[in-house]
Amino acid sequence: MGQKVHPLGFRIGIREPWRSRWTASKKEFPGLIVQDQRIRGFIKREFKQAAVARIDIERTRESTTVIIHTARPGVLIGRKGVRAEQLRNDLALLVGNNVTVHTVELARAELSAQLVSESVAEQLEKRVSFRRALKKTAQLTMQAGALGVKIHIAGRLGGAEMSRREQIIQGSIKLATLDADIDYGFSIARTSYGVIGCKCWIFRGWYEQAHKQENRHADDA
């Protein structure tokens, strides 16, 4: 039996920050966990076209801050901020206190594993050949600057009677190295002949190098 570890869970608290950042009593904790899940589900459902890669949630006693990482902030904000204001009001009703929404634009959507997996799932739903979808998506990711990419799909590929698995690997994937910046994403393609799962791993570089570049940019500024 394979010994598999979630790449994000492996690095949380060591190299990656928590996606939900708050503290609560033992009694309140389960309800807030469910509430966080509802917030993320609501945003992903209402803004499918906004290419939302990640949602961070920070809480205090009086307010909640939702940080949305998206490749298309214009879709999320809307004309003159109308959609962003509506989203804030909807989340305030869901949470029950003041909500602040911040958007963070992704420089390159091709380096977000979640968006890459959703892209593959969307192509499969449009009946694109799964081999073509895998090859094209992996090439775009490598051209965007990734050091390695692995895309894995499983299900009734091509409408076959029996489910099977297919994957493509380009470059190297340092899954067991904590210093390696490995992004992971999962999505589902709902086709007429069944559900196909799409997993993606992207090796984006090394954390130490990224930290040095951030410090260099800060010094230049």
C-alpha atoms as a PDB file:
ATOM      1  CA  MET A   1       0.000   0.000   0.000  1.00  0.00           C
ATOM      2  CA  GLY A   2       1.368   3.407  -0.989  1.00  0.00           C
ATOM      3  CA  GLN A   3       2.454   5.851   1.713  1.00  0.00           C
ATOM      4  CA  LYS A   4       1.013   9.092   0.374  1.00  0.00           C
ATOM      5  CA  VAL A   5       1.120  12.467   2.118  1.00  0.00           C
ATOM      6  CA  HIS A   6      -0.777  15.597   1.060  1.00  0.00           C
ATOM      7  CA  PRO A   7       1.903  18.073  -0.164  1.00  0.00           C
ATOM      8  CA  LEU A   8       0.220  21.024   1.558  1.00  0.00           C
ATOM      9  CA  GLY A   9      -0.374  19.219   4.854  1.00  0.00           C
ATOM     10  CA  PHE A  10       3.253  18.073   4.775  1.00  0.00           C
ATOM     11  CA  ARG A  11       4.466  21.710   4.655  1.00  0.00           C
ATOM     12  CA  ILE A  12       1.828  23.514   6.765  1.00  0.00           C
ATOM     13  CA  GLY A  13       3.410  25.237   9.742  1.00  0.00           C
ATOM     14  CA  ILE A  14       6.919  24.665   8.361  1.00  0.00           C
ATOM     15  CA  ARG A  15       7.000  26.273   4.920  1.00  0.00           C
ATOM     16  CA  GLU A  16       3.358  27.105   4.217  1.00  0.00           C
ATOM     17  CA  PRO A  17       0.986  29.283   6.295  1.00  0.00           C
ATOM     18  CA  TRP A  18      -2.335  27.968   7.569  1.00  0.00           C
ATOM     19  CA  ARG A  19      -5.263  28.677   5.253  1.00  0.00           C
ATOM     20  CA  SER A  20      -7.529  29.458   8.232  1.00  0.00           C
ATOM     21  CA  ARG A  21      -5.832  31.702  10.797  1.00  0.00           C
ATOM     22  CA  TRP A  22      -7.793  32.115  14.020  1.00  0.00           C
ATOM     23  CA  THR A  23      -8.207  30.674  17.483  1.00  0.00           C
ATOM     24  CA  ALA A  24     -11.405  29.561  19.229  1.00  0.00           C
ATOM     25  CA  SER A  25     -12.634  27.710  22.277  1.00  0.00           C
ATOM     26  CA  LYS A  26     -13.256  23.977  22.131  1.00  0.00           C
ATOM     27  CA  LYS A  27     -16.996  24.638  21.987  1.00  0.00           C
ATOM     28  CA  GLU A  28     -16.836  27.141  19.100  1.00  0.00           C
ATOM     29  CA  PHE A  29     -14.169  25.391  17.056  1.00  0.00           C
ATOM     30  CA  PRO A  30     -16.320  22.846  15.118  1.00  0.00           C
ATOM     31  CA  GLY A  31     -18.875  25.492  14.088  1.00  0.00           C
ATOM     32  CA  LEU A  32     -16.185  27.835  12.773  1.00  0.00           C
ATOM     33  CA  ILE A  33     -14.568  25.015  10.785  1.00  0.00           C
ATOM     34  CA  VAL A  34     -17.919  24.308   9.099  1.00  0.00           C
ATOM     35  CA  GLN A  35     -18.409  28.033   8.519  1.00  0.00           C
ATOM     36  CA  ASP A  36     -15.010  28.298   6.795  1.00  0.00           C
ATOM     37  CA  GLN A  37     -15.970  25.447   4.500  1.00  0.00           C
ATOM     38  CA  ARG A  38     -19.255  27.161   3.641  1.00  0.00           C
ATOM     39  CA  ILE A  39     -17.455  30.422   2.866  1.00  0.00           C
ATOM     40  CA  ARG A  40     -15.067  28.678   0.483  1.00  0.00           C
ATOM     41  CA  GLY A  41     -17.851  26.667  -1.138  1.00  0.00           C
ATOM     42  CA  PHE A  42     -20.011  29.771  -1.627  1.00  0.00           C
ATOM     43  CA  ILE A  43     -17.209  31.764  -3.292  1.00  0.00           C
ATOM     44  CA  LYS A  44     -16.170  28.889  -5.572  1.00  0.00           C
ATOM     45  CA  ARG A  45     -19.793  28.280  -6.542  1.00  0.00           C
ATOM     46  CA  GLU A  46     -20.755  31.906  -7.191  1.00  0.00           C
ATOM     47  CA  PHE A  47     -17.526  32.910  -8.955  1.00  0.00           C
ATOM     48  CA  LYS A  48     -16.679  29.933 -11.139  1.00  0.00           C
ATOM     49  CA  GLN A  49     -15.285  32.197 -13.878  1.00  0.00           C
ATOM     50  CA  ALA A  50     -13.012  34.152 -11.530  1.00  0.00           C
ATOM     51  CA  ALA A  51     -10.287  31.447 -11.461  1.00  0.00           C
ATOM     52  CA  VAL A  52     -10.090  31.325  -7.646  1.00  0.00           C
ATOM     53  CA  ALA A  53      -7.010  29.345  -6.632  1.00  0.00           C
ATOM     54  CA  ARG A  54      -7.034  29.752  -2.862  1.00  0.00           C
ATOM     55  CA  ILE A  55      -9.089  31.335  -0.077  1.00  0.00           C
ATOM     56  CA  ASP A  56      -7.529  32.334   3.256  1.00  0.00           C
ATOM     57  CA  ILE A  57      -9.663  33.250   6.261  1.00  0.00           C
ATOM     58  CA  GLU A  58      -8.594  35.332   9.267  1.00  0.00           C
ATOM     59  CA  ARG A  59     -10.847  35.991  12.248  1.00  0.00           C
ATOM     60  CA  THR A  60     -11.066  38.235  15.284  1.00  0.00           C
ATOM     61  CA  ARG A  61     -13.961  38.445  17.727  1.00  0.00           C
ATOM     62  CA  GLU A  62     -15.538  41.361  15.849  1.00  0.00           C
ATOM     63  CA  SER A  63     -14.719  40.689  12.195  1.00  0.00           C
ATOM     64  CA  THR A  64     -13.724  38.168   9.555  1.00  0.00           C
ATOM     65  CA  THR A  65     -11.232  38.792   6.750  1.00  0.00           C
ATOM     66  CA  VAL A  66     -11.471  36.720   3.569  1.00  0.00           C
ATOM     67  CA  ILE A  67      -8.408  36.808   1.295  1.00  0.00           C
ATOM     68  CA  ILE A  68      -9.132  35.508  -2.212  1.00  0.00           C
ATOM     69  CA  HIS A  69      -6.236  34.560  -4.513  1.00  0.00           C
ATOM     70  CA  THR A  70      -7.544  34.818  -8.072  1.00  0.00           C
ATOM     71  CA  ALA A  71      -6.209  35.043 -11.616  1.00  0.00           C
ATOM     72  CA  ARG A  72      -9.137  37.261 -12.691  1.00  0.00           C
ATOM     73  CA  PRO A  73      -9.757  39.893 -10.000  1.00  0.00           C
ATOM     74  CA  GLY A  74     -11.899  41.956 -12.400  1.00  0.00           C
ATOM     75  CA  VAL A  75     -14.533  39.215 -12.500  1.00  0.00           C
ATOM     76  CA  LEU A  76     -14.578  39.067  -8.715  1.00  0.00           C
ATOM     77  CA  ILE A  77     -14.731  42.826  -8.176  1.00  0.00           C
ATOM     78  CA  GLY A  78     -17.159  43.679 -10.972  1.00  0.00           C
ATOM     79  CA  ARG A  79     -17.826  47.097 -12.479  1.00  0.00           C
ATOM     80  CA  LYS A  80     -17.198  49.826  -9.893  1.00  0.00           C
ATOM     81  CA  GLY A  81     -16.851  47.160  -7.208  1.00  0.00           C
ATOM     82  CA  VAL A  82     -20.516  46.107  -7.333  1.00  0.00           C
ATOM     83  CA  ARG A  83     -19.890  42.353  -7.209  1.00  0.00           C
ATOM     84  CA  ALA A  84     -17.308  42.695  -4.445  1.00  0.00           C
ATOM     85  CA  GLU A  85     -19.766  44.674  -2.325  1.00  0.00           C
ATOM     86  CA  GLN A  86     -22.502  42.101  -2.937  1.00  0.00           C
ATOM     87  CA  LEU A  87     -20.086  39.316  -1.984  1.00  0.00           C
ATOM     88  CA  ARG A  88     -19.183  41.122   1.233  1.00  0.00           C
ATOM     89  CA  ASN A  89     -22.868  41.489   2.149  1.00  0.00           C
ATOM     90  CA  ASP A  90     -23.607  37.824   1.370  1.00  0.00           C
ATOM     91  CA  LEU A  91     -20.664  36.646   3.469  1.00  0.00           C
ATOM     92  CA  ALA A  92     -21.682  38.934   6.334  1.00  0.00           C
ATOM     93  CA  LEU A  93     -25.089  37.220   6.391  1.00  0.00           C
ATOM     94  CA  LEU A  94     -23.405  33.820   6.290  1.00  0.00           C
ATOM     95  CA  VAL A  95     -20.906  34.608   9.053  1.00  0.00           C
ATOM     96  CA  GLY A  96     -23.004  36.869  11.250  1.00  0.00           C
ATOM     97  CA  ASN A  97     -20.463  39.674  11.755  1.00  0.00           C
ATOM     98  CA  ASN A  98     -18.452  42.228   9.776  1.00  0.00           C
ATOM     99  CA  VAL A  99     -16.615  40.804   6.761  1.00  0.00           C
ATOM    100  CA  THR A 100     -13.723  42.334   4.838  1.00  0.00           C
ATOM    101  CA  VAL A 101     -12.822  40.921   1.435  1.00  0.00           C
ATOM    102  CA  HIS A 102      -9.320  41.300  -0.034  1.00  0.00           C
ATOM    103  CA  THR A 103      -8.327  40.070  -3.506  1.00  0.00           C
ATOM    104  CA  VAL A 104      -4.805  39.002  -4.424  1.00  0.00           C
ATOM    105  CA  GLU A 105      -4.022  38.716  -8.131  1.00  0.00           C
ATOM    106  CA  LEU A 106      -1.994  35.708  -9.259  1.00  0.00           C
ATOM    107  CA  ALA A 107       0.849  36.692 -11.566  1.00  0.00           C
ATOM    108  CA  ARG A 108       0.762  33.379 -13.490  1.00  0.00           C
ATOM    109  CA  ALA A 109      -2.298  31.162 -13.340  1.00  0.00           C
ATOM    110  CA  GLU A 110      -0.334  28.349 -15.047  1.00  0.00           C
ATOM    111  CA  LEU A 111       1.692  27.896 -11.831  1.00  0.00           C
ATOM    112  CA  SER A 112      -1.364  27.336  -9.633  1.00  0.00           C
ATOM    113  CA  ALA A 113      -1.991  23.598  -9.306  1.00  0.00           C
ATOM    114  CA  GLN A 114      -5.652  24.146  -8.405  1.00  0.00           C
ATOM    115  CA  LEU A 115      -6.293  26.221 -11.535  1.00  0.00           C
ATOM    116  CA  VAL A 116      -4.363  23.747 -13.698  1.00  0.00           C
ATOM    117  CA  SER A 117      -6.437  20.823 -12.400  1.00  0.00           C
ATOM    118  CA  GLU A 118      -9.639  22.802 -13.003  1.00  0.00           C
ATOM    119  CA  SER A 119      -8.452  23.576 -16.542  1.00  0.00           C
ATOM    120  CA  VAL A 120      -7.941  19.861 -17.257  1.00  0.00           C
ATOM    121  CA  ALA A 121     -11.364  19.043 -15.772  1.00  0.00           C
ATOM    122  CA  GLU A 122     -13.019  21.728 -17.907  1.00  0.00           C
ATOM    123  CA  GLN A 123     -11.389  20.344 -21.062  1.00  0.00           C
ATOM    124  CA  LEU A 124     -12.561  16.817 -20.226  1.00  0.00           C
ATOM    125  CA  GLU A 125     -16.118  18.099 -19.709  1.00  0.00           C
ATOM    126  CA  LYS A 126     -15.925  19.655 -23.191  1.00  0.00           C
ATOM    127  CA  ARG A 127     -14.987  16.216 -24.596  1.00  0.00           C
ATOM    128  CA  VAL A 128     -11.391  17.141 -25.460  1.00  0.00           C
ATOM    129  CA  SER A 129      -9.153  14.086 -25.836  1.00  0.00           C
ATOM    130  CA  PHE A 130      -7.673  13.355 -22.397  1.00  0.00           C
ATOM    131  CA  ARG A 131      -4.178  12.741 -23.809  1.00  0.00           C
ATOM    132  CA  ARG A 132      -4.276  16.044 -25.666  1.00  0.00           C
ATOM    133  CA  ALA A 133      -5.555  17.871 -22.569  1.00  0.00           C
ATOM    134  CA  LEU A 134      -2.775  16.413 -20.395  1.00  0.00           C
ATOM    135  CA  LYS A 135       0.013  17.151 -22.872  1.00  0.00           C
ATOM    136  CA  LYS A 136      -1.108  20.685 -23.711  1.00  0.00           C
ATOM    137  CA  THR A 137      -1.679  21.683 -20.075  1.00  0.00           C
ATOM    138  CA  ALA A 138       1.664  20.253 -18.918  1.00  0.00           C
ATOM    139  CA  GLN A 139       3.511  22.107 -21.692  1.00  0.00           C
ATOM    140  CA  LEU A 140       1.873  25.426 -20.770  1.00  0.00           C
ATOM    141  CA  THR A 141       2.825  24.917 -17.116  1.00  0.00           C
ATOM    142  CA  MET A 142       6.464  24.198 -17.949  1.00  0.00           C
ATOM    143  CA  GLN A 143       6.607  27.193 -20.318  1.00  0.00           C
ATOM    144  CA  ALA A 144       5.323  29.400 -17.466  1.00  0.00           C
ATOM    145  CA  GLY A 145       8.474  28.606 -15.468  1.00  0.00           C
ATOM    146  CA  ALA A 146       7.677  25.464 -13.475  1.00  0.00           C
ATOM    147  CA  LEU A 147      10.563  23.085 -12.714  1.00  0.00           C
ATOM    148  CA  GLY A 148       8.273  20.071 -12.860  1.00  0.00           C
ATOM    149  CA  VAL A 149       4.632  19.080 -13.224  1.00  0.00           C
ATOM    150  CA  LYS A 150       2.629  15.899 -12.730  1.00  0.00           C
ATOM    151  CA  ILE A 151      -1.021  15.606 -13.761  1.00  0.00           C
ATOM    152  CA  HIS A 152      -2.991  12.472 -12.856  1.00  0.00           C
ATOM    153  CA  ILE A 153      -6.535  11.663 -14.005  1.00  0.00           C
ATOM    154  CA  ALA A 154      -8.696   8.646 -13.181  1.00  0.00           C
ATOM    155  CA  GLY A 155     -12.157   7.504 -14.261  1.00  0.00           C
ATOM    156  CA  ARG A 156     -13.939   6.388 -17.417  1.00  0.00           C
ATOM    157  CA  LEU A 157     -11.473   8.095 -19.712  1.00  0.00           C
ATOM    158  CA  GLY A 158     -12.804   8.567 -23.220  1.00  0.00           C
ATOM    159  CA  GLY A 159     -16.091   6.920 -22.234  1.00  0.00           C
ATOM    160  CA  ALA A 160     -14.471   3.511 -21.712  1.00  0.00           C
ATOM    161  CA  GLU A 161     -16.551   0.888 -19.885  1.00  0.00           C
ATOM    162  CA  MET A 162     -13.865   0.300 -17.262  1.00  0.00           C
ATOM    163  CA  SER A 163     -12.238   3.126 -15.354  1.00  0.00           C
ATOM    164  CA  ARG A 164      -8.490   3.560 -15.585  1.00  0.00           C
ATOM    165  CA  ARG A 165      -5.724   5.972 -14.776  1.00  0.00           C
ATOM    166  CA  GLU A 166      -3.517   8.150 -16.910  1.00  0.00           C
ATOM    167  CA  GLN A 167      -0.803  10.614 -15.971  1.00  0.00           C
ATOM    168  CA  ILE A 168       1.882  12.824 -17.469  1.00  0.00           C
ATOM    169  CA  ILE A 169       5.123  13.901 -15.793  1.00  0.00           C
ATOM    170  CA  GLN A 170       7.485  16.591 -17.058  1.00  0.00           C
ATOM    171  CA  GLY A 171      10.545  17.835 -15.215  1.00  0.00           C
ATOM    172  CA  SER A 172      11.124  16.722 -11.614  1.00  0.00           C
ATOM    173  CA  ILE A 173       8.751  16.637  -8.619  1.00  0.00           C
ATOM    174  CA  LYS A 174      10.513  16.806  -5.220  1.00  0.00           C
ATOM    175  CA  LEU A 175       7.579  15.576  -3.121  1.00  0.00           C
ATOM    176  CA  ALA A 176       9.633  14.489  -0.091  1.00  0.00           C
ATOM    177  CA  THR A 177      11.764  17.669   0.129  1.00  0.00           C
ATOM    178  CA  LEU A 178      10.343  20.247   2.530  1.00  0.00           C
ATOM    179  CA  ASP A 179      12.354  23.065   0.942  1.00  0.00           C
ATOM    180  CA  ALA A 180      10.717  22.393  -2.431  1.00  0.00           C
ATOM    181  CA  ASP A 181       7.734  24.613  -3.251  1.00  0.00           C
ATOM    182  CA  ILE A 182       5.211  21.974  -4.342  1.00  0.00           C
ATOM    183  CA  ASP A 183       1.703  23.189  -5.136  1.00  0.00           C
ATOM    184  CA  TYR A 184      -1.134  20.642  -5.220  1.00  0.00           C
ATOM    185  CA  GLY A 185      -4.642  20.890  -6.646  1.00  0.00           C
ATOM    186  CA  PHE A 186      -7.615  18.582  -7.117  1.00  0.00           C
ATOM    187  CA  SER A 187     -10.825  18.972  -9.100  1.00  0.00           C
ATOM    188  CA  ILE A 188     -13.598  16.841 -10.566  1.00  0.00           C
ATOM    189  CA  ALA A 189     -14.807  16.616 -14.169  1.00  0.00           C
ATOM    190  CA  ARG A 190     -18.497  15.694 -14.323  1.00  0.00           C
ATOM    191  CA  THR A 191     -19.002  14.087 -17.720  1.00  0.00           C
ATOM    192  CA  SER A 192     -22.017  12.321 -19.227  1.00  0.00           C
ATOM    193  CA  TYR A 193     -20.350   8.928 -18.684  1.00  0.00           C
ATOM    194  CA  GLY A 194     -19.156   9.493 -15.109  1.00  0.00           C
ATOM    195  CA  VAL A 195     -16.923  11.472 -12.802  1.00  0.00           C
ATOM    196  CA  ILE A 196     -13.208  11.893 -13.537  1.00  0.00           C
ATOM    197  CA  GLY A 197     -10.807  13.010 -10.821  1.00  0.00           C
ATOM    198  CA  CYS A 198      -7.966  15.366 -11.756  1.00  0.00           C
ATOM    199  CA  LYS A 199      -4.904  15.822  -9.532  1.00  0.00           C
ATOM    200  CA  CYS A 200      -2.001  18.165 -10.204  1.00  0.00           C
ATOM    201  CA  TRP A 201       1.404  18.672  -8.591  1.00  0.00           C
ATOM    202  CA  ILE A 202       3.626  21.604  -9.643  1.00  0.00           C
ATOM    203  CA  PHE A 203       7.247  22.083  -8.549  1.00  0.00           C
ATOM    204  CA  ARG A 204       7.588  25.877  -8.597  1.00  0.00           C
ATOM    205  CA  GLY A 205      11.115  26.213  -7.184  1.00  0.00           C
ATOM    206  CA  TRP A 206      12.787  26.454  -3.793  1.00  0.00           C
ATOM    207  CA  TYR A 207      11.481  28.394  -0.793  1.00  0.00           C
ATOM    208  CA  GLU A 208      14.916  29.809   0.092  1.00  0.00           C
ATOM    209  CA  GLN A 209      15.365  31.278  -3.389  1.00  0.00           C
ATOM    210  CA  ALA A 210      11.888  32.812  -3.339  1.00  0.00           C
ATOM    211  CA  HIS A 211      12.606  34.334   0.091  1.00  0.00           C
ATOM    212  CA  LYS A 212      15.879  35.863  -1.164  1.00  0.00           C
ATOM    213  CA  GLN A 213      14.114  37.333  -4.217  1.00  0.00           C
ATOM    214  CA  GLU A 214      11.422  38.887  -2.006  1.00  0.00           C
ATOM    215  CA  ASN A 215      14.103  40.473   0.198  1.00  0.00           C
ATOM    216  CA  ARG A 216      15.928  41.775  -2.880  1.00  0.00           C
ATOM    217  CA  HIS A 217      12.750  43.369  -4.234  1.00  0.00           C
ATOM    218  CA  ALA A 218      12.066  44.938  -0.820  1.00  0.00           C
ATOM    219  CA  ASP A 219      15.616  46.410  -0.700  1.00  0.00           C
ATOM    220  CA  ASP A 220      15.241  47.830  -4.228  1.00  0.00           C
ATOM    221  CA  ALA A 221      11.947  49.444  -3.273  1.00  0.00           C
END
